[in-house]
C-alpha cells in the first residue's frame, strides 16, 4: 500500500525502522522519466522526483490480519515520530 509521508520525514529511516520491526516496507515506483528507455530526453519533473523520493509502500494482501494492520499502524506512527526533521 503506497504512502506519501510529509516532507521532512526521512523515508529511508522510516523504512529501515519498519523492516527492523518485521514489516516488509519497500520503495517502489521509480519515476518513469528516469528509466533507461527515456535516457537522453532530459525530462525535468521536480514534483515527480519529490513524490518518488518520499513514497514508501507497506504490504497488502489477502492474508493480512487486523493484528497485522494494527502493528503496521503502530510501528509506522512510531517510525515517523522518530524520523522527522
PDB file of N, CA and C in Angstrom:
ATOM      1  N   UNK A   1       0.847  -1.158   0.000  1.00  0.00           N
ATOM      2  CA  UNK A   1       0.000   0.000   0.000  1.00  0.00           C
ATOM      3  C   UNK A   1       0.897   1.226   0.000  1.00  0.00           C
ATOM      4  N   UNK A   2       0.854   2.042  -1.047  1.00  0.00           N
ATOM      5  CA  UNK A   2       1.740   3.202  -1.104  1.00  0.00           C
ATOM      6  C   UNK A   2       1.305   4.320  -0.166  1.00  0.00           C
ATOM      7  N   UNK A   3       2.281   4.896   0.488  1.00  0.00           N
ATOM      8  CA  UNK A   3       2.067   6.029   1.399  1.00  0.00           C
ATOM      9  C   UNK A   3       2.985   7.163   0.988  1.00  0.00           C
ATOM     10  N   UNK A   4       2.573   8.389   1.257  1.00  0.00           N
ATOM     11  CA  UNK A   4       3.400   9.545   0.943  1.00  0.00           C
ATOM     12  C   UNK A   4       3.606  10.367   2.219  1.00  0.00           C
ATOM     13  N   UNK A   5       4.695  10.074   2.939  1.00  0.00           N
ATOM     14  CA  UNK A   5       4.977  10.851   4.150  1.00  0.00           C
ATOM     15  C   UNK A   5       5.214  12.326   3.817  1.00  0.00           C
ATOM     16  N   UNK A   6       4.951  13.176   4.780  1.00  0.00           N
ATOM     17  CA  UNK A   6       5.185  14.604   4.616  1.00  0.00           C
ATOM     18  C   UNK A   6       6.651  14.891   4.345  1.00  0.00           C
ATOM     19  N   UNK A   7       6.908  16.010   3.708  1.00  0.00           N
ATOM     20  CA  UNK A   7       8.284  16.468   3.514  1.00  0.00           C
ATOM     21  C   UNK A   7       8.929  16.618   4.888  1.00  0.00           C
ATOM     22  N   UNK A   8      10.204  16.345   4.968  1.00  0.00           N
ATOM     23  CA  UNK A   8      10.916  16.453   6.236  1.00  0.00           C
ATOM     24  C   UNK A   8      10.990  15.147   7.009  1.00  0.00           C
ATOM     25  N   UNK A   9      10.309  14.130   6.528  1.00  0.00           N
ATOM     26  CA  UNK A   9      10.384  12.815   7.157  1.00  0.00           C
ATOM     27  C   UNK A   9      11.382  11.982   6.364  1.00  0.00           C
ATOM     28  N   UNK A  10      12.304  11.374   7.049  1.00  0.00           N
ATOM     29  CA  UNK A  10      13.342  10.569   6.408  1.00  0.00           C
ATOM     30  C   UNK A  10      12.758   9.220   6.006  1.00  0.00           C
ATOM     31  N   UNK A  11      12.330   9.118   4.757  1.00  0.00           N
ATOM     32  CA  UNK A  11      11.678   7.924   4.239  1.00  0.00           C
ATOM     33  C   UNK A  11      12.530   6.681   4.439  1.00  0.00           C
ATOM     34  N   UNK A  12      13.827   6.783   4.152  1.00  0.00           N
ATOM     35  CA  UNK A  12      14.692   5.610   4.245  1.00  0.00           C
ATOM     36  C   UNK A  12      14.858   5.149   5.688  1.00  0.00           C
ATOM     37  N   UNK A  13      14.896   6.090   6.631  1.00  0.00           N
ATOM     38  CA  UNK A  13      14.993   5.726   8.048  1.00  0.00           C
ATOM     39  C   UNK A  13      13.682   5.099   8.521  1.00  0.00           C
ATOM     40  N   UNK A  14      12.554   5.639   8.068  1.00  0.00           N
ATOM     41  CA  UNK A  14      11.248   5.052   8.411  1.00  0.00           C
ATOM     42  C   UNK A  14      11.181   3.626   7.884  1.00  0.00           C
ATOM     43  N   UNK A  15      11.596   3.433   6.642  1.00  0.00           N
ATOM     44  CA  UNK A  15      11.587   2.098   6.052  1.00  0.00           C
ATOM     45  C   UNK A  15      12.477   1.149   6.851  1.00  0.00           C
ATOM     46  N   UNK A  16      13.663   1.604   7.220  1.00  0.00           N
ATOM     47  CA  UNK A  16      14.578   0.755   7.993  1.00  0.00           C
ATOM     48  C   UNK A  16      13.962   0.369   9.334  1.00  0.00           C
ATOM     49  N   UNK A  17      13.296   1.305   9.989  1.00  0.00           N
ATOM     50  CA  UNK A  17      12.636   1.005  11.264  1.00  0.00           C
ATOM     51  C   UNK A  17      11.529  -0.038  11.078  1.00  0.00           C
ATOM     52  N   UNK A  18      10.757   0.108  10.008  1.00  0.00           N
ATOM     53  CA  UNK A  18       9.677  -0.847   9.754  1.00  0.00           C
ATOM     54  C   UNK A  18      10.236  -2.239   9.457  1.00  0.00           C
ATOM     55  N   UNK A  19      11.272  -2.301   8.652  1.00  0.00           N
ATOM     56  CA  UNK A  19      11.895  -3.590   8.338  1.00  0.00           C
ATOM     57  C   UNK A  19      12.448  -4.224   9.615  1.00  0.00           C
ATOM     58  N   UNK A  20      13.063  -3.415  10.476  1.00  0.00           N
ATOM     59  CA  UNK A  20      13.591  -3.933  11.744  1.00  0.00           C
ATOM     60  C   UNK A  20      12.473  -4.490  12.626  1.00  0.00           C
ATOM     61  N   UNK A  21      11.261  -3.954  12.451  1.00  0.00           N
ATOM     62  CA  UNK A  21      10.103  -4.433  13.218  1.00  0.00           C
ATOM     63  C   UNK A  21       9.421  -5.611  12.532  1.00  0.00           C
ATOM     64  N   UNK A  22      10.006  -6.088  11.430  1.00  0.00           N
ATOM     65  CA  UNK A  22       9.446  -7.247  10.735  1.00  0.00           C
ATOM     66  C   UNK A  22       8.387  -6.912   9.707  1.00  0.00           C
ATOM     67  N   UNK A  23       8.315  -5.660   9.277  1.00  0.00           N
ATOM     68  CA  UNK A  23       7.315  -5.224   8.297  1.00  0.00           C
ATOM     69  C   UNK A  23       8.021  -5.011   6.959  1.00  0.00           C
ATOM     70  N   UNK A  24       7.531  -5.654   5.918  1.00  0.00           N
ATOM     71  CA  UNK A  24       8.165  -5.583   4.600  1.00  0.00           C
ATOM     72  C   UNK A  24       7.856  -4.274   3.890  1.00  0.00           C
ATOM     73  N   UNK A  25       8.375  -3.185   4.413  1.00  0.00           N
ATOM     74  CA  UNK A  25       8.210  -1.890   3.759  1.00  0.00           C
ATOM     75  C   UNK A  25       9.189  -1.817   2.592  1.00  0.00           C
ATOM     76  N   UNK A  26       8.735  -1.260   1.484  1.00  0.00           N
ATOM     77  CA  UNK A  26       9.574  -1.204   0.284  1.00  0.00           C
ATOM     78  C   UNK A  26       9.437   0.135  -0.416  1.00  0.00           C
ATOM     79  N   UNK A  27      10.381   0.368  -1.294  1.00  0.00           N
ATOM     80  CA  UNK A  27      10.345   1.539  -2.164  1.00  0.00           C
ATOM     81  C   UNK A  27      10.063   1.027  -3.572  1.00  0.00           C
ATOM     82  N   UNK A  28       8.942   1.450  -4.127  1.00  0.00           N
ATOM     83  CA  UNK A  28       8.534   1.050  -5.471  1.00  0.00           C
ATOM     84  C   UNK A  28       8.412   2.283  -6.352  1.00  0.00           C
ATOM     85  N   UNK A  29       7.989   2.042  -7.549  1.00  0.00           N
ATOM     86  CA  UNK A  29       7.605   3.077  -8.490  1.00  0.00           C
ATOM     87  C   UNK A  29       8.663   4.152  -8.712  1.00  0.00           C
ATOM     88  N   UNK A  30       9.831   3.752  -9.240  1.00  0.00           N
ATOM     89  CA  UNK A  30      10.791   4.792  -9.619  1.00  0.00           C
ATOM     90  C   UNK A  30      10.186   5.656 -10.720  1.00  0.00           C
ATOM     91  N   UNK A  31      10.526   6.913 -10.785  1.00  0.00           N
ATOM     92  CA  UNK A  31       9.934   7.795 -11.800  1.00  0.00           C
ATOM     93  C   UNK A  31      10.184   7.273 -13.218  1.00  0.00           C
ATOM     94  N   UNK A  32       9.157   7.289 -14.026  1.00  0.00           N
ATOM     95  CA  UNK A  32       9.270   6.777 -15.399  1.00  0.00           C
ATOM     96  C   UNK A  32      10.329   7.524 -16.190  1.00  0.00           C
ATOM     97  N   UNK A  33      10.453   8.823 -15.967  1.00  0.00           N
ATOM     98  CA  UNK A  33      11.409   9.599 -16.761  1.00  0.00           C
ATOM     99  C   UNK A  33      12.867   9.258 -16.430  1.00  0.00           C
ATOM    100  N   UNK A  34      13.086   8.483 -15.372  1.00  0.00           N
ATOM    101  CA  UNK A  34      14.436   8.056 -15.016  1.00  0.00           C
ATOM    102  C   UNK A  34      14.751   6.636 -15.498  1.00  0.00           C
ATOM    103  N   UNK A  35      13.824   6.023 -16.174  1.00  0.00           N
ATOM    104  CA  UNK A  35      14.044   4.680 -16.706  1.00  0.00           C
ATOM    105  C   UNK A  35      14.944   4.742 -17.935  1.00  0.00           C
ATOM    106  N   UNK A  36      15.734   3.692 -18.159  1.00  0.00           N
ATOM    107  CA  UNK A  36      16.678   3.695 -19.286  1.00  0.00           C
ATOM    108  C   UNK A  36      16.047   4.009 -20.639  1.00  0.00           C
ATOM    109  N   UNK A  37      14.818   3.574 -20.852  1.00  0.00           N
ATOM    110  CA  UNK A  37      14.167   3.806 -22.145  1.00  0.00           C
ATOM    111  C   UNK A  37      14.009   5.300 -22.437  1.00  0.00           C
ATOM    112  N   UNK A  38      13.966   6.128 -21.400  1.00  0.00           N
ATOM    113  CA  UNK A  38      13.800   7.566 -21.578  1.00  0.00           C
ATOM    114  C   UNK A  38      15.110   8.334 -21.422  1.00  0.00           C
ATOM    115  N   UNK A  39      16.218   7.605 -21.287  1.00  0.00           N
ATOM    116  CA  UNK A  39      17.521   8.237 -21.126  1.00  0.00           C
ATOM    117  C   UNK A  39      17.812   9.135 -22.333  1.00  0.00           C
ATOM    118  N   UNK A  40      18.289  10.311 -22.075  1.00  0.00           N
ATOM    119  CA  UNK A  40      18.647  11.227 -23.144  1.00  0.00           C
ATOM    120  C   UNK A  40      17.584  12.246 -23.493  1.00  0.00           C
ATOM    121  N   UNK A  41      16.386  12.111 -22.920  1.00  0.00           N
ATOM    122  CA  UNK A  41      15.340  13.087 -23.215  1.00  0.00           C
ATOM    123  C   UNK A  41      15.456  14.341 -22.349  1.00  0.00           C
ATOM    124  N   UNK A  42      16.136  14.210 -21.221  1.00  0.00           N
ATOM    125  CA  UNK A  42      16.352  15.373 -20.367  1.00  0.00           C
ATOM    126  C   UNK A  42      15.106  15.890 -19.663  1.00  0.00           C
ATOM    127  N   UNK A  43      14.170  15.031 -19.402  1.00  0.00           N
ATOM    128  CA  UNK A  43      12.943  15.459 -18.722  1.00  0.00           C
ATOM    129  C   UNK A  43      13.271  15.976 -17.331  1.00  0.00           C
ATOM    130  N   UNK A  44      12.666  17.084 -16.976  1.00  0.00           N
ATOM    131  CA  UNK A  44      12.810  17.654 -15.637  1.00  0.00           C
ATOM    132  C   UNK A  44      11.421  17.678 -15.009  1.00  0.00           C
ATOM    133  N   UNK A  45      11.219  16.804 -14.038  1.00  0.00           N
ATOM    134  CA  UNK A  45       9.916  16.671 -13.390  1.00  0.00           C
ATOM    135  C   UNK A  45      10.106  16.757 -11.882  1.00  0.00           C
ATOM    136  N   UNK A  46      10.262  17.966 -11.347  1.00  0.00           N
ATOM    137  CA  UNK A  46      10.580  18.109  -9.923  1.00  0.00           C
ATOM    138  C   UNK A  46       9.494  17.598  -8.980  1.00  0.00           C
ATOM    139  N   UNK A  47       8.242  17.708  -9.346  1.00  0.00           N
ATOM    140  CA  UNK A  47       7.174  17.203  -8.473  1.00  0.00           C
ATOM    141  C   UNK A  47       7.223  15.681  -8.435  1.00  0.00           C
ATOM    142  N   UNK A  48       7.388  15.063  -9.595  1.00  0.00           N
ATOM    143  CA  UNK A  48       7.506  13.609  -9.666  1.00  0.00           C
ATOM    144  C   UNK A  48       8.703  13.127  -8.861  1.00  0.00           C
ATOM    145  N   UNK A  49       9.838  13.820  -9.000  1.00  0.00           N
ATOM    146  CA  UNK A  49      11.035  13.437  -8.253  1.00  0.00           C
ATOM    147  C   UNK A  49      10.811  13.558  -6.748  1.00  0.00           C
ATOM    148  N   UNK A  50      10.111  14.602  -6.322  1.00  0.00           N
ATOM    149  CA  UNK A  50       9.820  14.786  -4.895  1.00  0.00           C
ATOM    150  C   UNK A  50       8.941  13.662  -4.367  1.00  0.00           C
ATOM    151  N   UNK A  51       7.889  13.347  -5.093  1.00  0.00           N
ATOM    152  CA  UNK A  51       6.979  12.270  -4.664  1.00  0.00           C
ATOM    153  C   UNK A  51       7.728  10.941  -4.610  1.00  0.00           C
ATOM    154  N   UNK A  52       8.518  10.650  -5.625  1.00  0.00           N
ATOM    155  CA  UNK A  52       9.260   9.384  -5.663  1.00  0.00           C
ATOM    156  C   UNK A  52      10.240   9.279  -4.507  1.00  0.00           C
ATOM    157  N   UNK A  53      10.828  10.386  -4.105  1.00  0.00           N
ATOM    158  CA  UNK A  53      11.810  10.374  -3.015  1.00  0.00           C
ATOM    159  C   UNK A  53      11.152  10.167  -1.650  1.00  0.00           C
ATOM    160  N   UNK A  54       9.847  10.417  -1.548  1.00  0.00           N
ATOM    161  CA  UNK A  54       9.155  10.295  -0.261  1.00  0.00           C
ATOM    162  C   UNK A  54       8.275   9.059  -0.153  1.00  0.00           C
ATOM    163  N   UNK A  55       7.883   8.460  -1.267  1.00  0.00           N
ATOM    164  CA  UNK A  55       6.924   7.360  -1.243  1.00  0.00           C
ATOM    165  C   UNK A  55       7.527   6.095  -0.639  1.00  0.00           C
ATOM    166  N   UNK A  56       6.702   5.408   0.132  1.00  0.00           N
ATOM    167  CA  UNK A  56       7.067   4.123   0.737  1.00  0.00           C
ATOM    168  C   UNK A  56       5.822   3.227   0.651  1.00  0.00           C
ATOM    169  N   UNK A  57       6.037   1.944   0.501  1.00  0.00           N
ATOM    170  CA  UNK A  57       4.905   1.028   0.360  1.00  0.00           C
ATOM    171  C   UNK A  57       4.903  -0.008   1.470  1.00  0.00           C
ATOM    172  N   UNK A  58       3.721  -0.225   2.026  1.00  0.00           N
ATOM    173  CA  UNK A  58       3.502  -1.256   3.035  1.00  0.00           C
ATOM    174  C   UNK A  58       2.851  -2.468   2.369  1.00  0.00           C
ATOM    175  N   UNK A  59       3.034  -3.635   2.951  1.00  0.00           N
ATOM    176  CA  UNK A  59       2.427  -4.825   2.349  1.00  0.00           C
ATOM    177  C   UNK A  59       0.898  -4.790   2.436  1.00  0.00           C
ATOM    178  N   UNK A  60       0.273  -5.342   1.420  1.00  0.00           N
ATOM    179  CA  UNK A  60      -1.173  -5.565   1.453  1.00  0.00           C
ATOM    180  C   UNK A  60      -1.485  -6.790   0.614  1.00  0.00           C
ATOM    181  N   UNK A  61      -2.238  -7.676   1.212  1.00  0.00           N
ATOM    182  CA  UNK A  61      -2.660  -8.902   0.534  1.00  0.00           C
ATOM    183  C   UNK A  61      -3.765  -9.553   1.359  1.00  0.00           C
ATOM    184  N   UNK A  62      -4.314 -10.621   0.860  1.00  0.00           N
ATOM    185  CA  UNK A  62      -5.479 -11.255   1.477  1.00  0.00           C
ATOM    186  C   UNK A  62      -5.196 -11.867   2.851  1.00  0.00           C
ATOM    187  N   UNK A  63      -3.942 -12.153   3.166  1.00  0.00           N
ATOM    188  CA  UNK A  63      -3.635 -12.839   4.424  1.00  0.00           C
ATOM    189  C   UNK A  63      -3.298 -11.888   5.584  1.00  0.00           C
ATOM    190  N   UNK A  64      -3.312 -10.587   5.347  1.00  0.00           N
ATOM    191  CA  UNK A  64      -3.016  -9.646   6.428  1.00  0.00           C
ATOM    192  C   UNK A  64      -4.204  -9.600   7.391  1.00  0.00           C
ATOM    193  N   UNK A  65      -3.889  -9.744   8.652  1.00  0.00           N
ATOM    194  CA  UNK A  65      -4.933  -9.752   9.689  1.00  0.00           C
ATOM    195  C   UNK A  65      -5.099  -8.351  10.283  1.00  0.00           C
ATOM    196  N   UNK A  66      -6.131  -8.197  11.072  1.00  0.00           N
ATOM    197  CA  UNK A  66      -6.317  -6.922  11.781  1.00  0.00           C
ATOM    198  C   UNK A  66      -5.153  -6.664  12.722  1.00  0.00           C
ATOM    199  N   UNK A  67      -4.643  -7.712  13.351  1.00  0.00           N
ATOM    200  CA  UNK A  67      -3.471  -7.547  14.216  1.00  0.00           C
ATOM    201  C   UNK A  67      -2.264  -7.056  13.410  1.00  0.00           C
ATOM    202  N   UNK A  68      -2.082  -7.593  12.201  1.00  0.00           N
ATOM    203  CA  UNK A  68      -1.001  -7.128  11.327  1.00  0.00           C
ATOM    204  C   UNK A  68      -1.175  -5.644  11.008  1.00  0.00           C
ATOM    205  N   UNK A  69      -2.406  -5.253  10.691  1.00  0.00           N
ATOM    206  CA  UNK A  69      -2.668  -3.849  10.367  1.00  0.00           C
ATOM    207  C   UNK A  69      -2.426  -2.952  11.573  1.00  0.00           C
ATOM    208  N   UNK A  70      -2.836  -3.411  12.745  1.00  0.00           N
ATOM    209  CA  UNK A  70      -2.582  -2.639  13.961  1.00  0.00           C
ATOM    210  C   UNK A  70      -1.089  -2.468  14.196  1.00  0.00           C
ATOM    211  N   UNK A  71      -0.336  -3.548  14.012  1.00  0.00           N
ATOM    212  CA  UNK A  71       1.112  -3.485  14.179  1.00  0.00           C
ATOM    213  C   UNK A  71       1.729  -2.508  13.179  1.00  0.00           C
ATOM    214  N   UNK A  72       1.328  -2.602  11.917  1.00  0.00           N
ATOM    215  CA  UNK A  72       1.872  -1.695  10.912  1.00  0.00           C
ATOM    216  C   UNK A  72       1.560  -0.247  11.252  1.00  0.00           C
ATOM    217  N   UNK A  73       0.339   0.033  11.663  1.00  0.00           N
ATOM    218  CA  UNK A  73      -0.038   1.402  12.001  1.00  0.00           C
ATOM    219  C   UNK A  73       0.762   1.915  13.190  1.00  0.00           C
ATOM    220  N   UNK A  74       0.896   1.089  14.213  1.00  0.00           N
ATOM    221  CA  UNK A  74       1.646   1.482  15.409  1.00  0.00           C
ATOM    222  C   UNK A  74       3.108   1.734  15.075  1.00  0.00           C
ATOM    223  N   UNK A  75       3.724   0.799  14.362  1.00  0.00           N
ATOM    224  CA  UNK A  75       5.140   0.929  14.012  1.00  0.00           C
ATOM    225  C   UNK A  75       5.379   2.083  13.047  1.00  0.00           C
ATOM    226  N   UNK A  76       4.467   2.304  12.108  1.00  0.00           N
ATOM    227  CA  UNK A  76       4.610   3.402  11.186  1.00  0.00           C
ATOM    228  C   UNK A  76       4.542   4.735  11.923  1.00  0.00           C
ATOM    229  N   UNK A  77       3.584   4.880  12.812  1.00  0.00           N
ATOM    230  CA  UNK A  77       3.478   6.120  13.588  1.00  0.00           C
ATOM    231  C   UNK A  77       4.725   6.382  14.406  1.00  0.00           C
ATOM    232  N   UNK A  78       5.231   5.345  15.042  1.00  0.00           N
ATOM    233  CA  UNK A  78       6.438   5.493  15.871  1.00  0.00           C
ATOM    234  C   UNK A  78       7.653   5.832  15.000  1.00  0.00           C
ATOM    235  N   UNK A  79       7.767   5.178  13.848  1.00  0.00           N
ATOM    236  CA  UNK A  79       8.907   5.426  12.958  1.00  0.00           C
ATOM    237  C   UNK A  79       8.867   6.848  12.420  1.00  0.00           C
ATOM    238  N   UNK A  80       7.685   7.338  12.086  1.00  0.00           N
ATOM    239  CA  UNK A  80       7.567   8.710  11.600  1.00  0.00           C
ATOM    240  C   UNK A  80       7.941   9.701  12.702  1.00  0.00           C
ATOM    241  N   UNK A  81       7.482   9.441  13.908  1.00  0.00           N
ATOM    242  CA  UNK A  81       7.848  10.321  15.037  1.00  0.00           C
ATOM    243  C   UNK A  81       9.351  10.385  15.235  1.00  0.00           C
ATOM    244  N   UNK A  82      10.022   9.246  15.120  1.00  0.00           N
ATOM    245  CA  UNK A  82      11.473   9.190  15.332  1.00  0.00           C
ATOM    246  C   UNK A  82      12.260   9.820  14.201  1.00  0.00           C
ATOM    247  N   UNK A  83      11.697   9.878  13.020  1.00  0.00           N
ATOM    248  CA  UNK A  83      12.487  10.225  11.846  1.00  0.00           C
ATOM    249  C   UNK A  83      11.994  11.442  11.086  1.00  0.00           C
ATOM    250  N   UNK A  84      11.427  12.402  11.791  1.00  0.00           N
ATOM    251  CA  UNK A  84      11.057  13.638  11.111  1.00  0.00           C
ATOM    252  C   UNK A  84      11.987  14.760  11.560  1.00  0.00           C
ATOM    253  N   UNK A  85      12.203  15.682  10.643  1.00  0.00           N
ATOM    254  CA  UNK A  85      13.164  16.773  10.908  1.00  0.00           C
ATOM    255  C   UNK A  85      12.596  17.781  11.887  1.00  0.00           C
TER     256      UNK A  85
END
